Amino acid sequence: MRWIGPGRRTGQPSVAAEAAGQETGRERAMTRRAKIIRALNLPPADFVRSLFRRGEIAQPVDPRHSAVPRLRRAEVAAVYHNQRVAGDFYEFLRVGPSRVLFGLFDVAGRRQDTRAILIAAQNTFRIHAPRLFAGRDFNEAEAMVALCHEVNRTILQVAGGIRSCPAFIGCYNEDLGTVCYTNAGHTPALLRDRSGITQLEAGGLPLGIFSHATHSASTCALEPGTALLLVSRGIVEAEHAGQEFGLEGARKSFQGASALTAQDLCLAILQSAEQFMEAPPAHNDVTALVLLRDRDTGTLGWRTARRKPVGSTRSRPVQTASS
């Protein structure tokens, strides 16, 4: 059976030749189906990993592509540099008529060691988020904490133990212009508005550390023209001549960036880090994610301004990106 991703499958199990006095191939196939159905109702654990090892299901190469949603009077984008080498991944998911979830995760380890964890975490995110954020009369903060708990449990189960995963997850409310968020040991997010830049600090440990770790959620308002920036650890740890780019480097670049779109703001941050290093980044994944609220909220409907399409993309190598 070919496994497309946690929660999806295609094809039919191969049926072995029947032998007298033994379980038939049809019965074995039914047994495997029953086990898989039970596994899909829980975060993937030892059963799924054992199928991967035995080759009964093919493991996806990477987490599934996350389509960037269109927002009313706002836009969101994510940009990463070249090929993934470590545990960064971002996620976007519309969970209602006026709510969109976004997140940036950084599982510790190299890509070959983190793929199964990334895929399982993404699957859990996509399964539980629509349920937790369903309807109108619910508590966003409680839903956010519950989602963190589910992803945390999945990481611990699939990793078979501790596997640190700093994460920032936010829920943008298009009607109110607010973001309910939790920062689980992640690099602080930077909120840029007319008053300057505010850091949204971590309010708990990274995911994947303790099974009963508690996380808190907060809410911030995005006035028109406000931008929210998330950067991965690879940007903060960009190094040259013994000096780190650091969060301060990201802050200065963000403050001075004059880009008008979320995607261009992401590119500006990555280009600043690459110029600081004077070489293409190869030490770690480098990712930037920006949520930008329109300055003019008087125009209703979808964005129609003369701007480039926004979304997720790879940045070009530093020698061409900065030209």
Foldseek 3Di string as FASTA:
>chain_A
DEDPFQPDDDDAQDWDPDDPPDDGSVVVSVVVVVVSVVCSVAQHFDVVVVCCVVVSYPADLAADDAWFDFAWQWGKAKAWADDAWFAWDKHWDDQDPFKIKIKIKGWGDTSVLCRNLRRSLVSLLVVQLNVLPDDDPDDPFVSQQVNLLRSLQNNCRHNVAAIFMFMKMWMAGRVQQKIKIATACFAWKWKQDPVAIDTRDHQHHGRRHDNPTGTTIDMDHAAAFMKIKGKHVLLQQLDAPHDGCHPVVLRVQLRPDPDDHQQVSFLSSLLSSCVRNVFFDDPHMIMMMMMTGHNDNPDGDTDDDPDDDHYYYYQYTNVPSVD
